[in-house]
Amino acid sequence: MNSLDDGCLMHIFSFLSPIPDRYNTALVCHRWRFLACHPRLWLRVERPIRGVMEPGVYPNLEVAVSAARPGDTILIAAGGSHVACNIQIKKPICIIGGGDLPDDTVLTCSRGFDNALEFLSTCKIANLTIRAELGCCLLHRSGKLTIQECLLQCEQNPLDYLSFPIISTAIEYNSFPSLKEQGHGVTVVRTRIEGGAKAIRTNGTLALQRVRAIYSRSSVFFWFEVGEK
């Protein structure tokens, strides 16, 4: 295997499931880890050119999420606005914006929808702007959600009291140790939050913890966690 060039190895790795096969492959050596985690193996969301789609490239996020396998990473192309309305995510994946800044990659949830993204599994999102006209940007139902270097926006309107950038309805099962080990929670890292009644609403058993904020001239960056009380 080590006699094969990088292109051949990456082609072979592309047939492996991200979890556990590709993960175990990355533990073999530094070279295999670099190739197994290479962005060329990520799924991509891009607008089709002349109606022709390459393998692993999808026209919108909902289709990419449906095609993703547990452990996959989805890279959303920068530029323009991508539609994200009530997209349920039931498998552990990572969604990343392809721009230099979160503002370069925008997911928009139109009025009339409850949320942009709904998480029922452990996931991570990074470098994205998520904008909701009414409702919430992110609905966390279960699993561990990490929000890193994003911008969450609820547009101002007379019904602001109905809008929340993040809503968590997760419930910790204290009486079931096996379920408790899986854990639920939200971790927010260096993320801007704008609009809405308040940054996060918790309807389950989790509570806001370890809040930290840094004020700059143009915005406020937040760090906080939502975990078991």
C-alpha atoms as a PDB file:
ATOM      1  CA  MET A   1       0.000   0.000   0.000  1.00  0.00           C
ATOM      2  CA  ASN A   2       2.779   2.459   0.832  1.00  0.00           C
ATOM      3  CA  SER A   3       4.115   2.133  -2.717  1.00  0.00           C
ATOM      4  CA  LEU A   4       0.924   3.728  -4.084  1.00  0.00           C
ATOM      5  CA  ASP A   5       0.946   7.450  -4.780  1.00  0.00           C
ATOM      6  CA  ASP A   6      -1.265   9.882  -2.873  1.00  0.00           C
ATOM      7  CA  GLY A   7      -3.927  10.012  -5.587  1.00  0.00           C
ATOM      8  CA  CYS A   8      -4.415   6.234  -5.565  1.00  0.00           C
ATOM      9  CA  LEU A   9      -4.604   6.083  -1.773  1.00  0.00           C
ATOM     10  CA  MET A  10      -7.149   8.898  -1.621  1.00  0.00           C
ATOM     11  CA  HIS A  11      -9.268   7.150  -4.245  1.00  0.00           C
ATOM     12  CA  ILE A  12      -9.241   4.000  -2.103  1.00  0.00           C
ATOM     13  CA  PHE A  13     -10.021   5.977   1.063  1.00  0.00           C
ATOM     14  CA  SER A  14     -13.018   7.577  -0.659  1.00  0.00           C
ATOM     15  CA  PHE A  15     -14.794   4.196  -0.637  1.00  0.00           C
ATOM     16  CA  LEU A  16     -14.371   3.801   3.131  1.00  0.00           C
ATOM     17  CA  SER A  17     -17.065   4.918   5.540  1.00  0.00           C
ATOM     18  CA  PRO A  18     -15.824   7.967   7.517  1.00  0.00           C
ATOM     19  CA  ILE A  19     -16.668   6.248  10.821  1.00  0.00           C
ATOM     20  CA  PRO A  20     -15.074   3.900  11.757  1.00  0.00           C
ATOM     21  CA  ASP A  21     -13.039   2.857   8.694  1.00  0.00           C
ATOM     22  CA  ARG A  22     -11.534   6.159   7.559  1.00  0.00           C
ATOM     23  CA  TYR A  23     -11.008   7.185  11.180  1.00  0.00           C
ATOM     24  CA  ASN A  24      -9.027   3.985  11.855  1.00  0.00           C
ATOM     25  CA  THR A  25      -7.055   4.525   8.642  1.00  0.00           C
ATOM     26  CA  ALA A  26      -5.977   7.955   9.893  1.00  0.00           C
ATOM     27  CA  LEU A  27      -4.353   6.305  12.924  1.00  0.00           C
ATOM     28  CA  VAL A  28      -1.891   4.253  10.838  1.00  0.00           C
ATOM     29  CA  CYS A  29       0.714   6.952  10.134  1.00  0.00           C
ATOM     30  CA  HIS A  30       1.098  10.693   9.481  1.00  0.00           C
ATOM     31  CA  ARG A  31       0.804  10.297   5.714  1.00  0.00           C
ATOM     32  CA  TRP A  32      -2.400   8.280   5.917  1.00  0.00           C
ATOM     33  CA  ARG A  33      -3.868  10.710   8.436  1.00  0.00           C
ATOM     34  CA  PHE A  34      -3.175  13.622   6.081  1.00  0.00           C
ATOM     35  CA  LEU A  35      -4.793  11.817   3.144  1.00  0.00           C
ATOM     36  CA  ALA A  36      -7.751  10.383   5.086  1.00  0.00           C
ATOM     37  CA  CYS A  37      -8.636  13.883   6.360  1.00  0.00           C
ATOM     38  CA  HIS A  38      -7.933  15.709   3.091  1.00  0.00           C
ATOM     39  CA  PRO A  39     -10.588  18.235   1.948  1.00  0.00           C
ATOM     40  CA  ARG A  40     -10.836  16.409  -1.394  1.00  0.00           C
ATOM     41  CA  LEU A  41     -12.762  13.695   0.453  1.00  0.00           C
ATOM     42  CA  TRP A  42     -15.304  16.196   1.766  1.00  0.00           C
ATOM     43  CA  LEU A  43     -18.756  16.627   0.265  1.00  0.00           C
ATOM     44  CA  ARG A  44     -19.279  20.029  -1.350  1.00  0.00           C
ATOM     45  CA  VAL A  45     -22.292  22.263  -1.859  1.00  0.00           C
ATOM     46  CA  GLU A  46     -21.888  24.359  -5.003  1.00  0.00           C
ATOM     47  CA  ARG A  47     -24.126  25.783  -7.662  1.00  0.00           C
ATOM     48  CA  PRO A  48     -23.869  23.609 -10.800  1.00  0.00           C
ATOM     49  CA  ILE A  49     -22.005  24.985 -13.796  1.00  0.00           C
ATOM     50  CA  ARG A  50     -23.893  24.325 -17.028  1.00  0.00           C
ATOM     51  CA  GLY A  51     -26.059  21.795 -15.221  1.00  0.00           C
ATOM     52  CA  VAL A  52     -23.176  19.339 -14.726  1.00  0.00           C
ATOM     53  CA  MET A  53     -22.476  18.067 -11.204  1.00  0.00           C
ATOM     54  CA  GLU A  54     -19.238  16.359 -10.207  1.00  0.00           C
ATOM     55  CA  PRO A  55     -19.218  13.337  -7.889  1.00  0.00           C
ATOM     56  CA  GLY A  56     -19.418  14.482  -4.284  1.00  0.00           C
ATOM     57  CA  VAL A  57     -20.811  17.897  -5.267  1.00  0.00           C
ATOM     58  CA  TYR A  58     -24.435  18.760  -4.452  1.00  0.00           C
ATOM     59  CA  PRO A  59     -26.680  21.674  -5.482  1.00  0.00           C
ATOM     60  CA  ASN A  60     -27.940  22.452  -1.976  1.00  0.00           C
ATOM     61  CA  LEU A  61     -27.292  21.619   1.667  1.00  0.00           C
ATOM     62  CA  GLU A  62     -30.387  19.465   2.164  1.00  0.00           C
ATOM     63  CA  VAL A  63     -29.311  17.052  -0.590  1.00  0.00           C
ATOM     64  CA  ALA A  64     -25.745  16.976   0.755  1.00  0.00           C
ATOM     65  CA  VAL A  65     -26.945  16.164   4.287  1.00  0.00           C
ATOM     66  CA  SER A  66     -29.113  13.362   2.925  1.00  0.00           C
ATOM     67  CA  ALA A  67     -26.142  11.894   1.028  1.00  0.00           C
ATOM     68  CA  ALA A  68     -23.647  12.284   3.884  1.00  0.00           C
ATOM     69  CA  ARG A  69     -22.460   9.332   5.919  1.00  0.00           C
ATOM     70  CA  PRO A  70     -21.731   9.521   9.656  1.00  0.00           C
ATOM     71  CA  GLY A  71     -18.445  11.361  10.092  1.00  0.00           C
ATOM     72  CA  ASP A  72     -18.567  13.219   6.765  1.00  0.00           C
ATOM     73  CA  THR A  73     -17.612  16.875   6.364  1.00  0.00           C
ATOM     74  CA  ILE A  74     -19.697  19.150   4.129  1.00  0.00           C
ATOM     75  CA  LEU A  75     -18.020  22.255   2.675  1.00  0.00           C
ATOM     76  CA  ILE A  76     -20.437  24.968   1.518  1.00  0.00           C
ATOM     77  CA  ALA A  77     -19.119  27.225  -1.238  1.00  0.00           C
ATOM     78  CA  ALA A  78     -18.724  30.895  -0.423  1.00  0.00           C
ATOM     79  CA  GLY A  79     -20.686  33.568  -2.230  1.00  0.00           C
ATOM     80  CA  GLY A  80     -24.395  34.231  -2.435  1.00  0.00           C
ATOM     81  CA  SER A  81     -27.015  32.834  -0.095  1.00  0.00           C
ATOM     82  CA  HIS A  82     -27.898  29.166   0.389  1.00  0.00           C
ATOM     83  CA  VAL A  83     -31.384  28.083   1.443  1.00  0.00           C
ATOM     84  CA  ALA A  84     -31.637  26.152   4.719  1.00  0.00           C
ATOM     85  CA  CYS A  85     -35.168  25.560   6.000  1.00  0.00           C
ATOM     86  CA  ASN A  86     -36.085  22.876   8.553  1.00  0.00           C
ATOM     87  CA  ILE A  87     -33.143  20.636   7.587  1.00  0.00           C
ATOM     88  CA  GLN A  88     -32.988  17.709  10.032  1.00  0.00           C
ATOM     89  CA  ILE A  89     -29.541  16.288  10.797  1.00  0.00           C
ATOM     90  CA  LYS A  90     -29.684  12.838  12.371  1.00  0.00           C
ATOM     91  CA  LYS A  91     -26.050  11.730  11.953  1.00  0.00           C
ATOM     92  CA  PRO A  92     -22.719  13.069  13.219  1.00  0.00           C
ATOM     93  CA  ILE A  93     -21.353  15.394  10.533  1.00  0.00           C
ATOM     94  CA  CYS A  94     -19.407  18.640  10.247  1.00  0.00           C
ATOM     95  CA  ILE A  95     -20.640  21.597   8.155  1.00  0.00           C
ATOM     96  CA  ILE A  96     -18.091  24.280   7.222  1.00  0.00           C
ATOM     97  CA  GLY A  97     -18.329  27.522   5.286  1.00  0.00           C
ATOM     98  CA  GLY A  98     -15.864  27.816   2.426  1.00  0.00           C
ATOM     99  CA  GLY A  99     -15.099  31.536   2.736  1.00  0.00           C
ATOM    100  CA  ASP A 100     -12.399  33.428   4.575  1.00  0.00           C
ATOM    101  CA  LEU A 101     -15.003  34.811   7.000  1.00  0.00           C
ATOM    102  CA  PRO A 102     -18.401  33.610   8.260  1.00  0.00           C
ATOM    103  CA  ASP A 103     -20.043  36.458   6.300  1.00  0.00           C
ATOM    104  CA  ASP A 104     -18.861  34.873   3.037  1.00  0.00           C
ATOM    105  CA  THR A 105     -21.162  31.838   3.369  1.00  0.00           C
ATOM    106  CA  VAL A 106     -24.782  32.582   4.274  1.00  0.00           C
ATOM    107  CA  LEU A 107     -27.557  30.095   5.074  1.00  0.00           C
ATOM    108  CA  THR A 108     -31.009  31.699   5.011  1.00  0.00           C
ATOM    109  CA  CYS A 109     -34.178  30.392   6.652  1.00  0.00           C
ATOM    110  CA  SER A 110     -37.248  32.063   5.156  1.00  0.00           C
ATOM    111  CA  ARG A 111     -40.292  33.269   7.050  1.00  0.00           C
ATOM    112  CA  GLY A 112     -42.774  30.449   7.643  1.00  0.00           C
ATOM    113  CA  PHE A 113     -40.191  27.856   8.692  1.00  0.00           C
ATOM    114  CA  ASP A 114     -39.364  26.951  12.296  1.00  0.00           C
ATOM    115  CA  ASN A 115     -35.576  26.749  11.951  1.00  0.00           C
ATOM    116  CA  ALA A 116     -32.666  26.580   9.545  1.00  0.00           C
ATOM    117  CA  LEU A 117     -30.997  23.460  10.970  1.00  0.00           C
ATOM    118  CA  GLU A 118     -32.344  20.912  13.459  1.00  0.00           C
ATOM    119  CA  PHE A 119     -29.778  18.708  15.208  1.00  0.00           C
ATOM    120  CA  LEU A 120     -30.611  15.247  16.533  1.00  0.00           C
ATOM    121  CA  SER A 121     -27.000  14.021  16.655  1.00  0.00           C
ATOM    122  CA  THR A 122     -23.539  15.203  17.642  1.00  0.00           C
ATOM    123  CA  CYS A 123     -22.423  17.752  15.028  1.00  0.00           C
ATOM    124  CA  LYS A 124     -20.178  20.727  14.414  1.00  0.00           C
ATOM    125  CA  ILE A 125     -20.740  23.851  12.326  1.00  0.00           C
ATOM    126  CA  ALA A 126     -18.043  26.424  11.617  1.00  0.00           C
ATOM    127  CA  ASN A 127     -17.379  29.606   9.639  1.00  0.00           C
ATOM    128  CA  LEU A 128     -21.026  30.158   8.636  1.00  0.00           C
ATOM    129  CA  THR A 129     -23.595  32.935   8.763  1.00  0.00           C
ATOM    130  CA  ILE A 130     -27.045  31.552   9.558  1.00  0.00           C
ATOM    131  CA  ARG A 131     -29.908  33.993   9.132  1.00  0.00           C
ATOM    132  CA  ALA A 132     -33.524  33.424  10.211  1.00  0.00           C
ATOM    133  CA  GLU A 133     -36.327  35.781   9.188  1.00  0.00           C
ATOM    134  CA  LEU A 134     -38.585  34.455  11.951  1.00  0.00           C
ATOM    135  CA  GLY A 135     -38.069  31.474  14.249  1.00  0.00           C
ATOM    136  CA  CYS A 136     -34.643  30.165  15.239  1.00  0.00           C
ATOM    137  CA  CYS A 137     -31.355  29.652  13.452  1.00  0.00           C
ATOM    138  CA  LEU A 138     -30.438  26.381  15.189  1.00  0.00           C
ATOM    139  CA  LEU A 139     -32.693  23.895  16.979  1.00  0.00           C
ATOM    140  CA  HIS A 140     -30.770  21.467  19.211  1.00  0.00           C
ATOM    141  CA  ARG A 141     -32.767  18.387  20.208  1.00  0.00           C
ATOM    142  CA  SER A 142     -30.057  15.879  21.156  1.00  0.00           C
ATOM    143  CA  GLY A 143     -26.346  15.137  20.926  1.00  0.00           C
ATOM    144  CA  LYS A 144     -23.424  17.504  21.399  1.00  0.00           C
ATOM    145  CA  LEU A 145     -23.485  20.524  19.097  1.00  0.00           C
ATOM    146  CA  THR A 146     -20.408  22.722  18.566  1.00  0.00           C
ATOM    147  CA  ILE A 147     -20.827  26.158  16.984  1.00  0.00           C
ATOM    148  CA  GLN A 148     -17.449  27.661  16.126  1.00  0.00           C
ATOM    149  CA  GLU A 149     -16.693  31.102  14.667  1.00  0.00           C
ATOM    150  CA  CYS A 150     -20.161  31.624  13.177  1.00  0.00           C
ATOM    151  CA  LEU A 151     -22.616  34.521  12.888  1.00  0.00           C
ATOM    152  CA  LEU A 152     -26.195  33.809  13.991  1.00  0.00           C
ATOM    153  CA  GLN A 153     -28.716  36.456  12.949  1.00  0.00           C
ATOM    154  CA  CYS A 154     -32.420  36.846  13.706  1.00  0.00           C
ATOM    155  CA  GLU A 155     -33.807  39.624  11.534  1.00  0.00           C
ATOM    156  CA  GLN A 156     -35.602  42.416  13.367  1.00  0.00           C
ATOM    157  CA  ASN A 157     -39.394  42.418  13.119  1.00  0.00           C
ATOM    158  CA  PRO A 158     -42.432  43.105  15.365  1.00  0.00           C
ATOM    159  CA  LEU A 159     -42.427  39.435  16.429  1.00  0.00           C
ATOM    160  CA  ASP A 160     -38.884  39.475  17.814  1.00  0.00           C
ATOM    161  CA  TYR A 161     -40.072  37.769  20.993  1.00  0.00           C
ATOM    162  CA  LEU A 162     -40.643  34.604  18.908  1.00  0.00           C
ATOM    163  CA  SER A 163     -37.109  34.576  17.497  1.00  0.00           C
ATOM    164  CA  PHE A 164     -34.079  32.917  19.075  1.00  0.00           C
ATOM    165  CA  PRO A 165     -30.677  32.279  17.471  1.00  0.00           C
ATOM    166  CA  ILE A 166     -30.428  28.957  19.371  1.00  0.00           C
ATOM    167  CA  ILE A 167     -33.105  26.793  20.986  1.00  0.00           C
ATOM    168  CA  SER A 168     -32.214  23.646  22.949  1.00  0.00           C
ATOM    169  CA  THR A 169     -34.896  21.119  23.904  1.00  0.00           C
ATOM    170  CA  ALA A 170     -32.475  18.353  24.916  1.00  0.00           C
ATOM    171  CA  ILE A 171     -33.181  16.343  28.076  1.00  0.00           C
ATOM    172  CA  GLU A 172     -30.558  14.586  30.212  1.00  0.00           C
ATOM    173  CA  TYR A 173     -31.601  11.106  31.351  1.00  0.00           C
ATOM    174  CA  ASN A 174     -30.075  11.036  34.831  1.00  0.00           C
ATOM    175  CA  SER A 175     -31.721   7.723  35.716  1.00  0.00           C
ATOM    176  CA  PHE A 176     -30.186   5.912  32.742  1.00  0.00           C
ATOM    177  CA  PRO A 177     -26.364   5.827  33.012  1.00  0.00           C
ATOM    178  CA  SER A 178     -25.956   4.364  29.524  1.00  0.00           C
ATOM    179  CA  LEU A 179     -27.830   7.307  27.999  1.00  0.00           C
ATOM    180  CA  LYS A 180     -26.118   9.845  30.220  1.00  0.00           C
ATOM    181  CA  GLU A 181     -22.703   8.787  28.938  1.00  0.00           C
ATOM    182  CA  GLN A 182     -23.718   9.848  25.429  1.00  0.00           C
ATOM    183  CA  GLY A 183     -24.444  13.342  26.730  1.00  0.00           C
ATOM    184  CA  HIS A 184     -26.199  16.356  25.291  1.00  0.00           C
ATOM    185  CA  GLY A 185     -24.975  19.914  25.151  1.00  0.00           C
ATOM    186  CA  VAL A 186     -24.135  22.985  23.102  1.00  0.00           C
ATOM    187  CA  THR A 187     -20.706  24.621  22.945  1.00  0.00           C
ATOM    188  CA  VAL A 188     -20.415  28.077  21.365  1.00  0.00           C
ATOM    189  CA  VAL A 189     -16.930  29.340  20.456  1.00  0.00           C
ATOM    190  CA  ARG A 190     -16.110  32.875  19.220  1.00  0.00           C
ATOM    191  CA  THR A 191     -19.525  33.360  17.630  1.00  0.00           C
ATOM    192  CA  ARG A 192     -21.400  36.592  16.912  1.00  0.00           C
ATOM    193  CA  ILE A 193     -25.098  36.613  17.841  1.00  0.00           C
ATOM    194  CA  GLU A 194     -27.467  39.314  16.606  1.00  0.00           C
ATOM    195  CA  GLY A 195     -31.203  39.882  17.132  1.00  0.00           C
ATOM    196  CA  GLY A 196     -33.856  37.705  18.715  1.00  0.00           C
ATOM    197  CA  ALA A 197     -35.424  37.811  22.179  1.00  0.00           C
ATOM    198  CA  LYS A 198     -32.225  36.385  23.717  1.00  0.00           C
ATOM    199  CA  ALA A 199     -29.203  34.423  22.520  1.00  0.00           C
ATOM    200  CA  ILE A 200     -30.485  30.994  23.545  1.00  0.00           C
ATOM    201  CA  ARG A 201     -33.660  29.477  24.945  1.00  0.00           C
ATOM    202  CA  THR A 202     -33.568  26.160  26.800  1.00  0.00           C
ATOM    203  CA  ASN A 203     -36.812  24.192  26.939  1.00  0.00           C
ATOM    204  CA  GLY A 204     -35.266  20.933  28.193  1.00  0.00           C
ATOM    205  CA  THR A 205     -33.175  20.157  31.266  1.00  0.00           C
ATOM    206  CA  LEU A 206     -29.966  21.873  30.115  1.00  0.00           C
ATOM    207  CA  ALA A 207     -28.832  25.277  31.399  1.00  0.00           C
ATOM    208  CA  LEU A 208     -26.577  28.092  30.228  1.00  0.00           C
ATOM    209  CA  GLN A 209     -23.053  27.924  31.700  1.00  0.00           C
ATOM    210  CA  ARG A 210     -19.571  29.509  31.494  1.00  0.00           C
ATOM    211  CA  VAL A 211     -20.606  32.622  29.570  1.00  0.00           C
ATOM    212  CA  ARG A 212     -17.828  34.851  28.247  1.00  0.00           C
ATOM    213  CA  ALA A 213     -17.987  37.773  25.822  1.00  0.00           C
ATOM    214  CA  ILE A 214     -15.461  40.005  24.081  1.00  0.00           C
ATOM    215  CA  TYR A 215     -16.620  43.389  22.800  1.00  0.00           C
ATOM    216  CA  SER A 216     -15.067  44.847  19.662  1.00  0.00           C
ATOM    217  CA  ARG A 217     -15.894  48.108  17.903  1.00  0.00           C
ATOM    218  CA  SER A 218     -18.413  46.524  15.548  1.00  0.00           C
ATOM    219  CA  SER A 219     -19.650  43.363  17.262  1.00  0.00           C
ATOM    220  CA  VAL A 220     -19.676  41.096  20.314  1.00  0.00           C
ATOM    221  CA  PHE A 221     -18.146  37.616  20.292  1.00  0.00           C
ATOM    222  CA  PHE A 222     -19.599  34.972  22.610  1.00  0.00           C
ATOM    223  CA  TRP A 223     -18.260  31.831  24.245  1.00  0.00           C
ATOM    224  CA  PHE A 224     -20.648  29.708  26.323  1.00  0.00           C
ATOM    225  CA  GLU A 225     -21.857  26.199  27.008  1.00  0.00           C
ATOM    226  CA  VAL A 226     -25.257  24.648  27.543  1.00  0.00           C
ATOM    227  CA  GLY A 227     -25.097  21.546  29.719  1.00  0.00           C
ATOM    228  CA  GLU A 228     -26.648  19.605  32.553  1.00  0.00           C
ATOM    229  CA  LYS A 229     -27.689  21.708  35.530  1.00  0.00           C
END
